[in-house]
Amino acid sequence: MKVNHLVLTVLAFFFACFQSVNLHAETTEEVGFDMRRDLLLVQFDSKTDVDDIHTAAALITLMSNSKFEKVNYHAVAGTYGIQEGLYVPPNDLFQLAFGDKWSDAHTNSELAVEQVMKKVKKALEKKGDVWIAEAGQSDFTEKLVKKIQAEMPKIDVSQRIHVVQHSDWNEKVTSPESLQFVRSTTDYHKIPDGNAVGNGSPGFRSPEYSQWDDKISDPKLAEIWKLAMAIGLEYNGKEGRYNNEAVAKGGLDFSDLSEVCWILGIQDIKDVAQFFDEYGY
């Protein structure tokens, strides 16, 4: 009886250890974006660099892929901070690419917050999290987070609102109080810059790459990319706007998509060419 008791005790110990390891593995696998209930917000400043125009086309290309077509996403235009320079009007492109899945914070920031809040509320009520890719500054994010705190005070925004930023410049031209608020209140992640290759983020800026039209055969996506290229060339460096050298040379810059890739767990993509090889069709 004593031997049997000892054996049972040892077995129970190892079973408990196995359960603990299993639970840890499951928890680790579940960390990250959950397509069943999470919301992806992609917030574009569109001021004054035209890279957001290319990023919008790249985003809808990714969202059109069968792997990500079930992602609950929403785009927001005009989420700029305190930078000087003129706006790059993206409305025609956003309407073509996103349909009713975008809001215009440039025209009416408060209305955009209201529209986005409705989607945020649905996700949070379903026990989902909100993931914000800041293709711009944190000023709009601050407004949104304060709206969540006011209307859903039981939500722990430090656990449920995840903000991803890749650009030092974006942080520098965010209103200081907005940046401080967002960094101290939400689950804030600063990832390597998406403009460079080989730093841990996909490098989505290339002056040389122009073969996108050979990779995009879907007529709707091809139309979107043609419009994005046209808008980029039309406004790049115009009337004091930032002159993006990659775009000026006929290349591509959708560096802000690196944040979306981080959120979705596909940051192993090396560069622009690999992006189109894997997600162009």
Foldseek 3Di string as FASTA:
>chain_A
DVVVVVVVVVVVVVVVVVVVVVVVVVVVVPPFADLVFEEEEEEAQQFPALQVLLLLLLVLLVCPDPVNVSHHYAYEYNPAAQDDGDGQDCVVLCCLRPPPRYYYCPVPVVVRLVVVLVVCVRRVVVVAAYEYQYNAAQPSVLVNVVVCCVPPVVDQQQPRYEYEYADPVRHVRHDVVRSVCPVVRYNYYYDHFLCDFDPQAANEFALPDQCLCVLAPPVSSNVSNVVSLVSNCVRACPPNGDHDNSSVSVHHRNSSCSSVCVRVVNRVHGYNVSSSVVRHD
